Protein backbone atom coordinates (compact mmCIF):
# COMPACT_ATOMS: atom_id res chain seq x y z
CA MET A 1 0.00 -0.04 -0.03
CA ALA A 2 1.04 3.46 -0.73
CA LYS A 3 1.50 5.87 2.20
CA LYS A 4 -0.64 9.03 1.94
CA LYS A 5 1.22 12.13 2.42
CA LYS A 6 -0.25 14.51 4.83
CA GLN A 7 -0.69 17.93 3.41
CA LYS A 8 0.45 20.79 5.59
CA ARG A 9 -2.03 23.62 5.60
CA GLN A 10 -0.44 26.96 5.45
CA GLN A 11 -2.17 29.44 7.63
CA PRO A 12 -2.29 33.03 6.73
CA SER A 13 0.10 35.19 8.77
CA GLN A 14 -1.45 36.75 11.80
CA GLN A 15 0.95 39.56 12.12
CA PRO A 16 -0.18 42.94 10.86
CA SER A 17 1.87 44.70 8.19
CA LYS A 18 3.93 47.74 9.13
CA ASP A 19 1.15 50.03 8.35
CA GLU A 20 -1.31 48.15 10.52
CA ALA A 21 1.10 47.61 13.36
CA LEU A 22 -0.16 49.51 16.50
CA THR A 23 2.19 50.71 19.26
CA LEU A 24 1.16 50.54 22.83
CA LYS A 25 0.75 54.40 22.77
CA ASP A 26 -1.59 54.03 19.87
CA GLN A 27 -3.67 51.37 21.67
CA LEU A 28 -3.93 53.19 25.01
CA ASN A 29 -6.57 55.93 25.37
CA GLY A 30 -5.01 59.38 25.80
CA ASP A 31 -6.37 59.85 29.30
CA VAL A 32 -4.90 56.62 30.49
CA LEU A 33 -1.51 57.50 28.96
CA GLU A 34 -1.57 60.91 30.72
CA LYS A 35 -2.52 59.25 34.02
CA LEU A 36 0.48 56.85 33.67
CA LYS A 37 2.91 59.60 32.79
CA LEU A 38 1.55 61.69 35.88
CA ALA A 39 1.93 58.60 38.24
CA LYS A 40 5.62 58.12 36.96
CA LYS A 41 6.36 61.84 37.61
CA GLU A 42 4.95 61.46 41.06
CA LEU A 43 6.92 58.41 41.80
CA VAL A 44 10.12 60.00 40.68
CA VAL A 45 9.51 63.04 42.84
CA LYS A 46 8.75 60.76 45.95
CA GLU A 47 11.90 58.74 45.34
CA GLN A 48 14.14 61.83 45.05
CA ALA A 49 12.55 63.43 48.24
CA ALA A 50 13.23 59.97 50.05
CA GLN A 51 16.76 60.06 48.81
CA GLU A 52 17.36 63.59 50.04
CA GLU A 53 15.84 62.63 53.48
CA ARG A 54 18.16 59.67 53.81
CA GLU A 55 21.12 61.85 53.03
CA ALA A 56 20.17 64.54 55.46
CA LYS A 57 19.72 61.88 58.07
CA LEU A 58 23.26 60.41 57.57
CA VAL A 59 24.74 63.98 57.78
CA PHE A 60 22.82 64.72 60.89
CA GLU A 61 23.94 61.45 62.53
CA ARG A 62 27.61 62.04 61.54
CA LYS A 63 27.46 65.42 63.18
CA GLN A 64 25.82 63.95 66.25
CA ARG A 65 28.63 61.38 66.54
CA GLU A 66 31.35 64.01 66.16
CA LYS A 67 29.58 66.06 68.75
CA ASN A 68 29.28 63.24 71.25
CA LYS A 69 32.98 62.17 70.97
CA SER A 70 35.02 62.04 74.22
CA PHE A 71 38.07 64.13 74.73
CA GLU A 72 40.21 60.83 74.48
CA GLU A 73 38.59 60.06 70.93
CA LEU A 74 39.11 63.61 69.72
CA LEU A 75 42.66 63.60 70.83
CA ASN A 76 43.36 60.28 69.17
CA GLU A 77 41.70 61.43 65.95
CA TYR A 78 43.31 64.83 65.64
CA GLY A 79 46.30 64.57 67.82
CA ASP A 80 48.52 67.64 67.88
CA LYS A 81 47.48 68.96 64.44
CA GLY A 82 44.59 70.96 65.93
CA SER A 83 46.69 73.25 67.89
CA LYS A 84 47.60 76.67 66.50
CA PHE A 85 50.56 76.88 69.01
CA ASN A 86 52.41 73.98 67.35
CA GLY A 87 54.46 75.85 64.89
């Protein structure tokens, strides 16, 4: 017996042509796009504010540690270089 060859059906391409291709911007409603942009801006602003707050806190803590050092710690750190009388 002869074997029957299965015919492969070629399906038409489901991808749109260049002219028909839609970008995400084209697909979204203008209002939705504006809301997303606004939310992104707000998030960036919040992140910058949080970063500035962290940096200010680190500076404050560093100053507090310096202020609370004992005389021995200051002497060990600066030694004689802090005296204006040491020629």
